[in-house]
């Protein structure tokens, strides 16, 4: 009986820790780490270095359709939604990262 109680308590602690972690604001490093994964996967290019200054002109295949897929993927990954106006104002990845951080 004690073993089961111990296991349940540990499980509950992990759940509470995960819930707390989800509510913490994302730091810049975590945002860029996740963006890097997304860029590598979406553009099928592991050589892309995601920096604040990165723009569509720097990434082969980042056209208007890829941009839509990128925004949708980012919204799902970070559990955020951007307005059309916000998306239109984005000029570089640094702008996008700042917007993500402001919402997360």
Foldseek 3Di string as FASTA:
>chain_A
DVVVVVVVVVVVVVVVVVVVVLPDQDDLVRLLVVLLVLCCVLLVNNVDRADQAAFLVNHPPSDPVSLVVSQVVSCVVLVHDDDPVLSVPDGGVNSVSVVSRVTD
